[in-house]
Amino acid sequence: MEFGAKISISLVNGYSFIDKIGWNNYSEAELLPQALEAYRERFGHYPEAVLADKLYRNRDNLRYCKERGVRLSGPRLGRPPKDGAPDPYERPDSAARNAVEGKFGEGKAGYGLGRIMAHLQDTAETVIAIAFLSMNLNRKLRVLWLRFFVRYELGCVQLLPAC
């Protein structure tokens, strides 16, 4: 049994977006339409695919995604086909879904999400938001550092072959 906040996030290019922080039990599958609309508001279009757990693959979410041209990853509903032909997207999607679990692990291990001591709801939500903000800033700094490093190294090689 888990206690505390239940957090729903979207992960886009390594950056985390908090979709919902809830304190009561709720079904995450009901949040998919809200998360897709939030994505469309942020980026101006729907994503090509949603890499979600099996929990999200219900008839309502499948219909919602199909109407918007979004591929909802995962196995088909019902019995598996007799021919056993695997879905070509299943394995890469499954591997990519691990990034979300990894983001929660990173938050717990490195940013204190597993040790939130705030007692008030507003304070705890602020601590959670700051942890995700810190993870996103750290990601941005790594990307900028990599760009700077590659640019510097290429410049050094082109200008001074002895570098």
Protein backbone atom coordinates (compact mmCIF):
# COMPACT_ATOMS: atom_id res chain seq x y z
CA MET A 1 0.00 0.00 0.00
CA GLU A 2 1.31 3.42 -0.90
CA PHE A 3 0.69 6.64 0.96
CA GLY A 4 1.08 10.20 -0.17
CA ALA A 5 0.62 11.83 -3.53
CA LYS A 6 -0.18 9.95 -6.69
CA ILE A 7 1.63 11.66 -9.57
CA SER A 8 0.84 11.37 -13.25
CA ILE A 9 3.50 12.69 -15.63
CA SER A 10 4.14 12.95 -19.34
CA LEU A 11 7.68 12.45 -20.58
CA VAL A 12 8.62 14.28 -23.80
CA ASN A 13 12.23 14.20 -25.06
CA GLY A 14 13.49 13.48 -21.55
CA TYR A 15 11.57 16.36 -19.94
CA SER A 16 8.85 15.66 -17.39
CA PHE A 17 5.50 17.41 -17.34
CA ILE A 18 3.26 16.93 -14.31
CA ASP A 19 -0.26 16.17 -15.52
CA LYS A 20 -1.87 15.56 -12.14
CA ILE A 21 -1.01 15.31 -8.49
CA GLY A 22 -3.76 13.54 -6.58
CA TRP A 23 -4.16 12.55 -2.96
CA ASN A 24 -7.14 10.23 -3.38
CA ASN A 25 -7.34 6.98 -5.28
CA TYR A 26 -8.28 7.42 -8.92
CA SER A 27 -7.92 5.48 -12.13
CA GLU A 28 -5.00 6.76 -14.18
CA ALA A 29 -6.72 5.55 -17.35
CA GLU A 30 -9.24 8.37 -17.02
CA LEU A 31 -6.41 10.92 -17.30
CA LEU A 32 -5.31 10.04 -20.83
CA PRO A 33 -7.65 12.48 -22.64
CA GLN A 34 -6.57 15.31 -20.31
CA ALA A 35 -2.89 14.48 -20.86
CA LEU A 36 -3.35 14.43 -24.66
CA GLU A 37 -5.12 17.79 -24.62
CA ALA A 38 -2.38 19.24 -22.40
CA TYR A 39 0.21 17.95 -24.89
CA ARG A 40 -1.68 19.60 -27.76
CA GLU A 41 -1.82 22.90 -25.87
CA ARG A 42 1.93 22.78 -25.12
CA PHE A 43 3.19 21.71 -28.55
CA GLY A 44 0.37 22.62 -30.96
CA HIS A 45 -0.34 19.06 -32.11
CA TYR A 46 -1.12 15.60 -30.76
CA PRO A 47 1.73 13.14 -30.27
CA GLU A 48 2.34 10.45 -32.86
CA ALA A 49 2.04 7.73 -30.23
CA VAL A 50 1.24 7.31 -26.55
CA LEU A 51 3.45 4.77 -24.80
CA ALA A 52 1.33 3.82 -21.82
CA ASP A 53 0.79 0.80 -19.59
CA LYS A 54 -1.89 -1.76 -20.37
CA LEU A 55 -4.10 -0.03 -17.84
CA TYR A 56 -4.64 2.84 -20.30
CA ARG A 57 -5.78 0.56 -23.14
CA ASN A 58 -9.51 0.58 -22.62
CA ARG A 59 -12.21 1.05 -25.24
CA ASP A 60 -12.78 4.72 -24.45
CA ASN A 61 -9.10 5.64 -24.64
CA LEU A 62 -8.59 3.60 -27.82
CA ARG A 63 -11.53 5.36 -29.47
CA TYR A 64 -10.32 8.77 -28.24
CA CYS A 65 -6.82 8.19 -29.64
CA LYS A 66 -8.09 6.80 -32.94
CA GLU A 67 -10.29 9.86 -33.50
CA ARG A 68 -7.22 12.07 -33.11
CA GLY A 69 -4.80 9.95 -35.12
CA VAL A 70 -2.71 8.94 -32.10
CA ARG A 71 -1.33 5.41 -31.80
CA LEU A 72 -1.89 3.95 -28.32
CA SER A 73 0.81 1.35 -27.79
CA GLY A 74 0.34 -2.06 -26.28
CA PRO A 75 -1.32 -5.37 -27.03
CA ARG A 76 -4.77 -5.57 -28.59
CA LEU A 77 -7.79 -6.02 -26.36
CA GLY A 78 -9.18 -9.52 -26.07
CA ARG A 79 -7.53 -12.81 -26.89
CA PRO A 80 -4.22 -12.81 -28.69
CA PRO A 81 -4.43 -13.78 -32.39
CA LYS A 82 -3.90 -17.44 -33.27
CA ASP A 83 -1.22 -16.71 -35.85
CA GLY A 84 0.92 -15.14 -33.12
CA ALA A 85 2.21 -12.35 -35.37
CA PRO A 86 3.92 -9.87 -33.05
CA ASP A 87 3.21 -6.17 -33.26
CA PRO A 88 6.31 -4.48 -34.74
CA TYR A 89 5.92 -1.56 -32.31
CA GLU A 90 5.49 -3.65 -29.16
CA ARG A 91 9.14 -4.25 -28.23
CA PRO A 92 10.48 -0.70 -28.92
CA ASP A 93 7.44 0.83 -27.20
CA SER A 94 7.94 -1.36 -24.16
CA ALA A 95 11.58 -0.32 -23.94
CA ALA A 96 10.69 3.35 -24.31
CA ARG A 97 8.02 3.09 -21.58
CA ASN A 98 10.78 2.19 -19.13
CA ALA A 99 11.97 5.81 -19.34
CA VAL A 100 8.96 6.97 -17.31
CA GLU A 101 9.66 4.45 -14.56
CA GLY A 102 13.30 5.50 -14.71
CA LYS A 103 12.29 9.14 -14.27
CA PHE A 104 10.44 8.25 -11.06
CA GLY A 105 13.48 6.26 -9.91
CA GLU A 106 15.72 9.24 -10.67
CA GLY A 107 13.37 11.49 -8.70
CA LYS A 108 13.35 9.19 -5.70
CA ALA A 109 17.07 8.45 -5.68
CA GLY A 110 18.48 11.84 -6.58
CA TYR A 111 15.84 14.48 -5.92
CA GLY A 112 14.11 13.39 -2.72
CA LEU A 113 10.75 12.27 -4.10
CA GLY A 114 10.94 9.21 -1.87
CA ARG A 115 11.57 11.31 1.26
CA ILE A 116 9.02 14.12 1.19
CA MET A 117 8.51 15.24 4.78
CA ALA A 118 6.04 18.09 4.12
CA HIS A 119 2.75 17.55 5.91
CA LEU A 120 0.52 20.11 4.22
CA GLN A 121 -0.85 19.30 0.78
CA ASP A 122 0.24 22.60 -0.78
CA THR A 123 3.74 22.29 0.64
CA ALA A 124 4.13 18.68 -0.50
CA GLU A 125 2.93 19.57 -4.01
CA THR A 126 5.46 22.41 -4.11
CA VAL A 127 8.25 20.03 -3.10
CA ILE A 128 7.18 17.59 -5.83
CA ALA A 129 7.04 20.35 -8.45
CA ILE A 130 10.49 21.62 -7.42
CA ALA A 131 11.91 18.10 -7.72
CA PHE A 132 10.58 17.77 -11.28
CA LEU A 133 11.75 21.29 -12.09
CA SER A 134 15.23 20.35 -10.86
CA MET A 135 15.24 17.19 -12.97
CA ASN A 136 14.22 19.19 -16.05
CA LEU A 137 16.86 21.85 -15.40
CA ASN A 138 19.50 19.18 -14.94
CA ARG A 139 18.45 17.61 -18.26
CA LYS A 140 18.61 20.98 -20.01
CA LEU A 141 22.09 21.66 -18.60
CA ARG A 142 23.31 18.25 -19.79
CA VAL A 143 21.97 18.95 -23.28
CA LEU A 144 23.54 22.42 -23.38
CA TRP A 145 26.85 21.10 -22.04
CA LEU A 146 26.88 18.37 -24.66
CA ARG A 147 26.21 20.88 -27.44
CA PHE A 148 28.96 23.16 -26.14
CA PHE A 149 31.40 20.27 -25.75
CA VAL A 150 30.73 18.88 -29.24
CA ARG A 151 30.97 22.35 -30.80
CA TYR A 152 34.22 23.06 -28.92
CA GLU A 153 35.75 19.71 -29.82
CA LEU A 154 34.82 20.05 -33.50
CA GLY A 155 36.18 23.59 -33.56
CA CYS A 156 39.41 22.45 -31.95
CA VAL A 157 39.83 19.62 -34.42
CA GLN A 158 39.13 21.84 -37.41
CA LEU A 159 41.30 24.76 -36.29
CA LEU A 160 44.19 23.01 -34.60
CA PRO A 161 44.81 19.44 -35.77
CA ALA A 162 47.33 18.95 -32.94
CA CYS A 163 44.58 19.31 -30.28
